[in-house]
Amino acid sequence: MPVGWAWRTHVQQLYGGEWCEARHAGVMIAGRFAWQLMDGTVNESAIGDLFDVPPGHVGWTVGDEDAVSLEWAGLRRWVVGARTSRVLASLLFTDIVDSTKVASRLGDADWHDLLSVHYHQAHEAIERYGGRQVATTGDGVPATFDAAAAAVRCAIQARVAAQAQGLDLRLGVHVGEIDLAGNDIRGVTVHEAARVMSAAGPGEILVSEQVQLLCRGSDFTFEDAGEHVLKGVPERWHLFRVVT
């Protein structure tokens, strides 16, 4: 854990609860680490000390050196078993077509400037339609929305902005339940949305059948894009193309 790290400051707000409910057992290999139990008892481990911290504690680093430990119990549960919230969300995935070719043609400096403008415009579009940008994926931007129509509108604006820069995007929109874990999103729906995007051609917005159904009554026009086999995803998928 880095200097200044504390469970209540850096972890509690992500997973909730008053105390860490994982057991941690291991050995300290650098720095010092302290923990307090629910009964008020405070213990500290230094280099070479074995530790076995029961559930129901808070911890923090001590001093001006990072605390490094080797754990054989507790860490996997803390990372994998952390509290998640499962919600229904509409997902937008984007990707720049032939990005390597464009980067090679422009050179590093100009490519960096182009990407900066692209990400800024994508972020503006996401905010405009009430979405939340999750992260960048090298050449793409995943985002979540409360409504399928908002995700589609954002996709249209992002495509127009990219075309004005001379960039082609492939975009995909899908809807389903996802797990929220801190600032990250997880679950099968996330992988499905990425595969829907991968099936799109240059300048194309593809949506899943669920999105097309949810957008009935909107001012969008959808064109049947046929059935697709999405890599790693079971069954064939009926996709639709957004026509503007």
C-alpha atoms as a PDB file:
ATOM      1  CA  MET A   1       0.000   0.000   0.000  1.00  0.00           C
ATOM      2  CA  PRO A   2       1.436   3.429  -0.879  1.00  0.00           C
ATOM      3  CA  VAL A   3       2.450   6.063   1.641  1.00  0.00           C
ATOM      4  CA  GLY A   4      -0.651   7.722   3.089  1.00  0.00           C
ATOM      5  CA  TRP A   5      -2.994   4.866   2.168  1.00  0.00           C
ATOM      6  CA  ALA A   6      -5.890   4.218   4.546  1.00  0.00           C
ATOM      7  CA  TRP A   7      -8.873   1.882   4.191  1.00  0.00           C
ATOM      8  CA  ARG A   8     -11.416   4.482   5.294  1.00  0.00           C
ATOM      9  CA  THR A   9     -10.065   7.041   2.795  1.00  0.00           C
ATOM     10  CA  HIS A  10      -9.358   4.934  -0.280  1.00  0.00           C
ATOM     11  CA  VAL A  11     -11.609   1.869  -0.061  1.00  0.00           C
ATOM     12  CA  GLN A  12     -14.649   2.479   2.137  1.00  0.00           C
ATOM     13  CA  GLN A  13     -16.362   4.832  -0.326  1.00  0.00           C
ATOM     14  CA  LEU A  14     -16.056   2.215  -3.084  1.00  0.00           C
ATOM     15  CA  TYR A  15     -17.426  -0.822  -1.240  1.00  0.00           C
ATOM     16  CA  GLY A  16     -19.310   0.603   1.714  1.00  0.00           C
ATOM     17  CA  GLY A  17     -19.473  -0.798   5.233  1.00  0.00           C
ATOM     18  CA  GLU A  18     -17.793   0.382   8.387  1.00  0.00           C
ATOM     19  CA  TRP A  19     -15.110  -2.320   8.461  1.00  0.00           C
ATOM     20  CA  CYS A  20     -13.152  -4.471   6.012  1.00  0.00           C
ATOM     21  CA  GLU A  21     -14.796  -7.912   6.100  1.00  0.00           C
ATOM     22  CA  ALA A  22     -11.914  -9.861   4.516  1.00  0.00           C
ATOM     23  CA  ARG A  23      -9.319 -11.862   6.414  1.00  0.00           C
ATOM     24  CA  HIS A  24      -5.708 -10.970   5.514  1.00  0.00           C
ATOM     25  CA  ALA A  25      -2.842 -13.341   6.265  1.00  0.00           C
ATOM     26  CA  GLY A  26       0.720 -12.987   5.027  1.00  0.00           C
ATOM     27  CA  VAL A  27       4.155 -11.525   5.637  1.00  0.00           C
ATOM     28  CA  MET A  28       5.459  -7.958   5.434  1.00  0.00           C
ATOM     29  CA  ILE A  29       8.342  -7.508   2.996  1.00  0.00           C
ATOM     30  CA  ALA A  30       8.681  -3.701   3.096  1.00  0.00           C
ATOM     31  CA  GLY A  31       7.444  -0.768   5.165  1.00  0.00           C
ATOM     32  CA  ARG A  32       5.013  -0.874   8.056  1.00  0.00           C
ATOM     33  CA  PHE A  33       1.291  -1.430   8.211  1.00  0.00           C
ATOM     34  CA  ALA A  34      -1.162  -0.931  11.076  1.00  0.00           C
ATOM     35  CA  TRP A  35      -4.726  -2.116  11.628  1.00  0.00           C
ATOM     36  CA  GLN A  36      -7.437  -1.537  14.195  1.00  0.00           C
ATOM     37  CA  LEU A  37      -9.992  -4.149  15.210  1.00  0.00           C
ATOM     38  CA  MET A  38     -13.606  -3.471  16.104  1.00  0.00           C
ATOM     39  CA  ASP A  39     -12.800  -3.703  19.834  1.00  0.00           C
ATOM     40  CA  GLY A  40     -10.294  -0.849  19.481  1.00  0.00           C
ATOM     41  CA  THR A  41      -7.160  -3.002  19.519  1.00  0.00           C
ATOM     42  CA  VAL A  42      -4.396  -1.598  17.289  1.00  0.00           C
ATOM     43  CA  ASN A  43      -1.581  -3.769  15.888  1.00  0.00           C
ATOM     44  CA  GLU A  44       1.357  -3.002  13.627  1.00  0.00           C
ATOM     45  CA  SER A  45       3.498  -5.164  11.312  1.00  0.00           C
ATOM     46  CA  ALA A  46       7.022  -4.370  10.049  1.00  0.00           C
ATOM     47  CA  ILE A  47       9.429  -6.097   7.643  1.00  0.00           C
ATOM     48  CA  GLY A  48       9.574  -9.835   8.276  1.00  0.00           C
ATOM     49  CA  ASP A  49       6.469  -9.948  10.501  1.00  0.00           C
ATOM     50  CA  LEU A  50       3.775 -12.515   9.865  1.00  0.00           C
ATOM     51  CA  PHE A  51       0.229 -11.180  10.197  1.00  0.00           C
ATOM     52  CA  ASP A  52      -3.247 -12.657  10.413  1.00  0.00           C
ATOM     53  CA  VAL A  53      -5.878  -9.915  10.431  1.00  0.00           C
ATOM     54  CA  PRO A  54      -9.451 -11.137  11.056  1.00  0.00           C
ATOM     55  CA  PRO A  55     -12.573  -9.705   9.384  1.00  0.00           C
ATOM     56  CA  GLY A  56     -13.807  -6.514  11.007  1.00  0.00           C
ATOM     57  CA  HIS A  57     -10.859  -4.143  10.830  1.00  0.00           C
ATOM     58  CA  VAL A  58      -9.488  -0.998   9.192  1.00  0.00           C
ATOM     59  CA  GLY A  59      -5.881  -0.520   8.118  1.00  0.00           C
ATOM     60  CA  TRP A  60      -3.383   2.136   7.069  1.00  0.00           C
ATOM     61  CA  THR A  61       0.272   2.533   6.120  1.00  0.00           C
ATOM     62  CA  VAL A  62       2.687   3.869   8.731  1.00  0.00           C
ATOM     63  CA  GLY A  63       5.611   6.195   8.062  1.00  0.00           C
ATOM     64  CA  ASP A  64       7.092   7.485   4.826  1.00  0.00           C
ATOM     65  CA  GLU A  65       7.665   4.139   3.061  1.00  0.00           C
ATOM     66  CA  ASP A  66       5.216   2.075   1.012  1.00  0.00           C
ATOM     67  CA  ALA A  67       3.897  -0.983   2.842  1.00  0.00           C
ATOM     68  CA  VAL A  68       4.423  -4.142   0.758  1.00  0.00           C
ATOM     69  CA  SER A  69       3.172  -7.558   1.799  1.00  0.00           C
ATOM     70  CA  LEU A  70       2.871 -11.063   0.404  1.00  0.00           C
ATOM     71  CA  GLU A  71      -0.600 -12.392   1.182  1.00  0.00           C
ATOM     72  CA  TRP A  72      -1.807 -15.976   0.958  1.00  0.00           C
ATOM     73  CA  ALA A  73      -5.315 -15.290   2.237  1.00  0.00           C
ATOM     74  CA  GLY A  74      -7.688 -12.371   1.901  1.00  0.00           C
ATOM     75  CA  LEU A  75      -6.486 -10.459  -1.162  1.00  0.00           C
ATOM     76  CA  ARG A  76      -8.446 -12.496  -3.721  1.00  0.00           C
ATOM     77  CA  ARG A  77     -11.637 -12.089  -1.730  1.00  0.00           C
ATOM     78  CA  TRP A  78     -10.988  -8.360  -1.301  1.00  0.00           C
ATOM     79  CA  VAL A  79     -10.527  -7.826  -5.058  1.00  0.00           C
ATOM     80  CA  VAL A  80     -12.945 -10.361  -6.555  1.00  0.00           C
ATOM     81  CA  GLY A  81     -15.492 -10.497  -3.778  1.00  0.00           C
ATOM     82  CA  ALA A  82     -15.825  -6.753  -3.330  1.00  0.00           C
ATOM     83  CA  ARG A  83     -19.346  -5.415  -3.285  1.00  0.00           C
ATOM     84  CA  THR A  84     -20.834  -4.757  -6.672  1.00  0.00           C
ATOM     85  CA  SER A  85     -24.099  -3.178  -7.733  1.00  0.00           C
ATOM     86  CA  ARG A  86     -25.996  -4.788 -10.582  1.00  0.00           C
ATOM     87  CA  VAL A  87     -27.917  -2.338 -12.749  1.00  0.00           C
ATOM     88  CA  LEU A  88     -29.590  -2.160 -16.135  1.00  0.00           C
ATOM     89  CA  ALA A  89     -27.616   0.092 -18.480  1.00  0.00           C
ATOM     90  CA  SER A  90     -27.230   1.007 -22.131  1.00  0.00           C
ATOM     91  CA  LEU A  91     -23.637   0.718 -23.292  1.00  0.00           C
ATOM     92  CA  LEU A  92     -21.887   2.578 -26.094  1.00  0.00           C
ATOM     93  CA  PHE A  93     -18.552   1.359 -27.440  1.00  0.00           C
ATOM     94  CA  THR A  94     -16.524   3.254 -30.048  1.00  0.00           C
ATOM     95  CA  ASP A  95     -13.349   2.472 -31.953  1.00  0.00           C
ATOM     96  CA  ILE A  96     -11.247   4.404 -34.483  1.00  0.00           C
ATOM     97  CA  VAL A  97     -10.973   2.520 -37.782  1.00  0.00           C
ATOM     98  CA  ASP A  98      -7.413   1.976 -39.104  1.00  0.00           C
ATOM     99  CA  SER A  99      -5.934   3.913 -36.207  1.00  0.00           C
ATOM    100  CA  THR A 100      -2.474   2.420 -36.702  1.00  0.00           C
ATOM    101  CA  LYS A 101      -2.413   3.517 -40.338  1.00  0.00           C
ATOM    102  CA  VAL A 102      -3.565   7.037 -39.434  1.00  0.00           C
ATOM    103  CA  ALA A 103      -1.017   7.301 -36.611  1.00  0.00           C
ATOM    104  CA  SER A 104       1.801   6.180 -38.914  1.00  0.00           C
ATOM    105  CA  ARG A 105       0.786   8.737 -41.525  1.00  0.00           C
ATOM    106  CA  LEU A 106       0.536  11.642 -39.059  1.00  0.00           C
ATOM    107  CA  GLY A 107       3.424  10.910 -36.735  1.00  0.00           C
ATOM    108  CA  ASP A 108       3.336  10.728 -32.936  1.00  0.00           C
ATOM    109  CA  ALA A 109       2.847  14.428 -32.133  1.00  0.00           C
ATOM    110  CA  ASP A 110       0.007  15.080 -34.601  1.00  0.00           C
ATOM    111  CA  TRP A 111      -1.644  11.758 -33.728  1.00  0.00           C
ATOM    112  CA  HIS A 112      -1.561  12.665 -30.038  1.00  0.00           C
ATOM    113  CA  ASP A 113      -3.179  16.039 -30.779  1.00  0.00           C
ATOM    114  CA  LEU A 114      -5.858  14.399 -32.927  1.00  0.00           C
ATOM    115  CA  LEU A 115      -6.646  11.855 -30.228  1.00  0.00           C
ATOM    116  CA  SER A 116      -6.861  14.573 -27.564  1.00  0.00           C
ATOM    117  CA  VAL A 117      -9.458  16.481 -29.577  1.00  0.00           C
ATOM    118  CA  HIS A 118     -11.344  13.268 -30.360  1.00  0.00           C
ATOM    119  CA  TYR A 119     -11.532  12.229 -26.701  1.00  0.00           C
ATOM    120  CA  HIS A 120     -12.591  15.722 -25.667  1.00  0.00           C
ATOM    121  CA  GLN A 121     -15.424  15.767 -28.211  1.00  0.00           C
ATOM    122  CA  ALA A 122     -16.524  12.261 -27.257  1.00  0.00           C
ATOM    123  CA  HIS A 123     -16.591  13.250 -23.589  1.00  0.00           C
ATOM    124  CA  GLU A 124     -18.706  16.314 -24.404  1.00  0.00           C
ATOM    125  CA  ALA A 125     -21.195  14.145 -26.316  1.00  0.00           C
ATOM    126  CA  ILE A 126     -21.395  11.665 -23.438  1.00  0.00           C
ATOM    127  CA  GLU A 127     -22.061  14.442 -20.926  1.00  0.00           C
ATOM    128  CA  ARG A 128     -24.631  16.089 -23.206  1.00  0.00           C
ATOM    129  CA  TYR A 129     -26.760  12.943 -23.236  1.00  0.00           C
ATOM    130  CA  GLY A 130     -26.381  12.135 -19.555  1.00  0.00           C
ATOM    131  CA  GLY A 131     -23.879   9.314 -19.890  1.00  0.00           C
ATOM    132  CA  ARG A 132     -20.819   8.324 -17.917  1.00  0.00           C
ATOM    133  CA  GLN A 133     -17.493   7.652 -19.585  1.00  0.00           C
ATOM    134  CA  VAL A 134     -15.953   4.517 -18.162  1.00  0.00           C
ATOM    135  CA  ALA A 135     -12.437   4.604 -19.621  1.00  0.00           C
ATOM    136  CA  THR A 136     -10.556   4.856 -22.870  1.00  0.00           C
ATOM    137  CA  THR A 137      -9.569   1.654 -24.650  1.00  0.00           C
ATOM    138  CA  GLY A 138      -6.568   2.903 -26.601  1.00  0.00           C
ATOM    139  CA  ASP A 139      -8.542   4.133 -29.605  1.00  0.00           C
ATOM    140  CA  GLY A 140     -12.074   3.924 -28.227  1.00  0.00           C
ATOM    141  CA  VAL A 141     -14.426   5.255 -25.580  1.00  0.00           C
ATOM    142  CA  PRO A 142     -16.886   3.066 -23.633  1.00  0.00           C
ATOM    143  CA  ALA A 143     -19.759   4.805 -21.841  1.00  0.00           C
ATOM    144  CA  THR A 144     -22.931   3.901 -19.948  1.00  0.00           C
ATOM    145  CA  PHE A 145     -26.343   5.552 -20.221  1.00  0.00           C
ATOM    146  CA  ASP A 146     -29.660   5.210 -18.417  1.00  0.00           C
ATOM    147  CA  ALA A 147     -31.610   5.120 -21.700  1.00  0.00           C
ATOM    148  CA  ALA A 148     -30.947   3.361 -24.998  1.00  0.00           C
ATOM    149  CA  ALA A 149     -32.053   6.400 -27.024  1.00  0.00           C
ATOM    150  CA  ALA A 150     -29.501   8.593 -25.221  1.00  0.00           C
ATOM    151  CA  ALA A 151     -26.721   6.150 -26.116  1.00  0.00           C
ATOM    152  CA  VAL A 152     -27.771   6.173 -29.785  1.00  0.00           C
ATOM    153  CA  ARG A 153     -27.946   9.978 -29.904  1.00  0.00           C
ATOM    154  CA  CYS A 154     -24.472  10.169 -28.370  1.00  0.00           C
ATOM    155  CA  ALA A 155     -23.173   7.682 -30.961  1.00  0.00           C
ATOM    156  CA  ILE A 156     -24.528   9.854 -33.785  1.00  0.00           C
ATOM    157  CA  GLN A 157     -22.918  13.012 -32.402  1.00  0.00           C
ATOM    158  CA  ALA A 158     -19.596  11.252 -31.767  1.00  0.00           C
ATOM    159  CA  ARG A 159     -19.561   9.947 -35.330  1.00  0.00           C
ATOM    160  CA  VAL A 160     -20.234  13.389 -36.815  1.00  0.00           C
ATOM    161  CA  ALA A 161     -17.492  14.978 -34.697  1.00  0.00           C
ATOM    162  CA  ALA A 162     -14.993  12.280 -35.696  1.00  0.00           C
ATOM    163  CA  GLN A 163     -15.828  12.625 -39.390  1.00  0.00           C
ATOM    164  CA  ALA A 164     -15.126  16.346 -39.135  1.00  0.00           C
ATOM    165  CA  GLN A 165     -11.614  15.369 -38.000  1.00  0.00           C
ATOM    166  CA  GLY A 166     -11.208  12.976 -40.903  1.00  0.00           C
ATOM    167  CA  LEU A 167     -11.669   9.925 -38.661  1.00  0.00           C
ATOM    168  CA  ASP A 168     -13.961   6.962 -39.201  1.00  0.00           C
ATOM    169  CA  LEU A 169     -15.477   5.314 -36.136  1.00  0.00           C
ATOM    170  CA  ARG A 170     -17.190   1.997 -35.693  1.00  0.00           C
ATOM    171  CA  LEU A 171     -19.800   2.195 -32.944  1.00  0.00           C
ATOM    172  CA  GLY A 172     -21.992  -0.291 -31.111  1.00  0.00           C
ATOM    173  CA  VAL A 173     -24.881   0.103 -28.671  1.00  0.00           C
ATOM    174  CA  HIS A 174     -26.264  -2.679 -26.486  1.00  0.00           C
ATOM    175  CA  VAL A 175     -28.384  -2.875 -23.340  1.00  0.00           C
ATOM    176  CA  GLY A 176     -28.392  -5.288 -20.417  1.00  0.00           C
ATOM    177  CA  GLU A 177     -27.461  -5.777 -16.790  1.00  0.00           C
ATOM    178  CA  ILE A 178     -23.923  -4.938 -15.705  1.00  0.00           C
ATOM    179  CA  ASP A 179     -21.978  -5.008 -12.461  1.00  0.00           C
ATOM    180  CA  LEU A 180     -20.656  -1.707 -11.117  1.00  0.00           C
ATOM    181  CA  ALA A 181     -17.465  -2.176  -9.123  1.00  0.00           C
ATOM    182  CA  GLY A 182     -16.072   1.188  -8.131  1.00  0.00           C
ATOM    183  CA  ASN A 183     -15.446   3.063 -11.386  1.00  0.00           C
ATOM    184  CA  ASP A 184     -15.325  -0.131 -13.441  1.00  0.00           C
ATOM    185  CA  ILE A 185     -18.058  -2.074 -15.254  1.00  0.00           C
ATOM    186  CA  ARG A 186     -18.130  -5.834 -15.575  1.00  0.00           C
ATOM    187  CA  GLY A 187     -20.307  -8.642 -16.829  1.00  0.00           C
ATOM    188  CA  VAL A 188     -21.347 -10.510 -19.960  1.00  0.00           C
ATOM    189  CA  THR A 189     -23.248  -7.476 -21.291  1.00  0.00           C
ATOM    190  CA  VAL A 190     -19.994  -5.487 -21.434  1.00  0.00           C
ATOM    191  CA  HIS A 191     -18.372  -8.145 -23.639  1.00  0.00           C
ATOM    192  CA  GLU A 192     -21.476  -8.357 -25.828  1.00  0.00           C
ATOM    193  CA  ALA A 193     -21.511  -4.591 -26.384  1.00  0.00           C
ATOM    194  CA  ALA A 194     -17.852  -4.654 -27.430  1.00  0.00           C
ATOM    195  CA  ARG A 195     -18.601  -7.417 -29.938  1.00  0.00           C
ATOM    196  CA  VAL A 196     -21.566  -5.507 -31.392  1.00  0.00           C
ATOM    197  CA  MET A 197     -19.207  -2.593 -31.981  1.00  0.00           C
ATOM    198  CA  SER A 198     -16.595  -4.859 -33.558  1.00  0.00           C
ATOM    199  CA  ALA A 199     -19.162  -6.034 -36.125  1.00  0.00           C
ATOM    200  CA  ALA A 200     -19.665  -2.480 -37.424  1.00  0.00           C
ATOM    201  CA  GLY A 201     -17.916  -1.169 -40.500  1.00  0.00           C
ATOM    202  CA  PRO A 202     -16.252   2.249 -40.943  1.00  0.00           C
ATOM    203  CA  GLY A 203     -18.683   5.029 -40.034  1.00  0.00           C
ATOM    204  CA  GLU A 204     -21.354   2.508 -39.017  1.00  0.00           C
ATOM    205  CA  ILE A 205     -23.462   2.432 -35.853  1.00  0.00           C
ATOM    206  CA  LEU A 206     -24.807  -1.039 -35.062  1.00  0.00           C
ATOM    207  CA  VAL A 207     -27.266  -1.740 -32.253  1.00  0.00           C
ATOM    208  CA  SER A 208     -28.569  -4.958 -30.768  1.00  0.00           C
ATOM    209  CA  GLU A 209     -32.163  -6.029 -31.206  1.00  0.00           C
ATOM    210  CA  GLN A 210     -32.892  -5.029 -27.608  1.00  0.00           C
ATOM    211  CA  VAL A 211     -31.824  -1.440 -28.334  1.00  0.00           C
ATOM    212  CA  GLN A 212     -33.892  -1.302 -31.523  1.00  0.00           C
ATOM    213  CA  LEU A 213     -36.980  -2.414 -29.584  1.00  0.00           C
ATOM    214  CA  LEU A 214     -36.404   0.089 -26.789  1.00  0.00           C
ATOM    215  CA  CYS A 215     -36.061   2.933 -29.307  1.00  0.00           C
ATOM    216  CA  ARG A 216     -39.429   2.343 -30.935  1.00  0.00           C
ATOM    217  CA  GLY A 217     -41.325   5.611 -31.085  1.00  0.00           C
ATOM    218  CA  SER A 218     -38.121   7.655 -31.300  1.00  0.00           C
ATOM    219  CA  ASP A 219     -37.085   9.655 -34.359  1.00  0.00           C
ATOM    220  CA  PHE A 220     -34.390   7.138 -35.297  1.00  0.00           C
ATOM    221  CA  THR A 221     -34.469   5.057 -38.450  1.00  0.00           C
ATOM    222  CA  PHE A 222     -33.046   1.555 -38.218  1.00  0.00           C
ATOM    223  CA  GLU A 223     -32.045  -0.642 -41.112  1.00  0.00           C
ATOM    224  CA  ASP A 224     -31.883  -4.410 -40.752  1.00  0.00           C
ATOM    225  CA  ALA A 225     -28.208  -5.402 -40.715  1.00  0.00           C
ATOM    226  CA  GLY A 226     -28.926  -9.128 -40.652  1.00  0.00           C
ATOM    227  CA  GLU A 227     -27.686 -11.855 -38.358  1.00  0.00           C
ATOM    228  CA  HIS A 228     -24.118 -11.922 -37.123  1.00  0.00           C
ATOM    229  CA  VAL A 229     -21.871 -14.354 -35.315  1.00  0.00           C
ATOM    230  CA  LEU A 230     -20.127 -12.375 -32.586  1.00  0.00           C
ATOM    231  CA  LYS A 231     -16.749 -13.716 -31.520  1.00  0.00           C
ATOM    232  CA  GLY A 232     -16.988 -15.558 -28.221  1.00  0.00           C
ATOM    233  CA  VAL A 233     -20.735 -14.862 -27.838  1.00  0.00           C
ATOM    234  CA  PRO A 234     -23.247 -17.744 -28.111  1.00  0.00           C
ATOM    235  CA  GLU A 235     -25.881 -17.941 -30.852  1.00  0.00           C
ATOM    236  CA  ARG A 236     -26.430 -15.623 -33.791  1.00  0.00           C
ATOM    237  CA  TRP A 237     -27.244 -11.973 -33.168  1.00  0.00           C
ATOM    238  CA  HIS A 238     -29.761  -9.883 -35.092  1.00  0.00           C
ATOM    239  CA  LEU A 239     -28.272  -6.406 -35.459  1.00  0.00           C
ATOM    240  CA  PHE A 240     -29.625  -3.136 -36.789  1.00  0.00           C
ATOM    241  CA  ARG A 241     -27.891  -0.186 -38.435  1.00  0.00           C
ATOM    242  CA  VAL A 242     -28.691   3.401 -37.416  1.00  0.00           C
ATOM    243  CA  VAL A 243     -29.639   5.443 -40.493  1.00  0.00           C
ATOM    244  CA  THR A 244     -29.594   9.245 -40.224  1.00  0.00           C
END
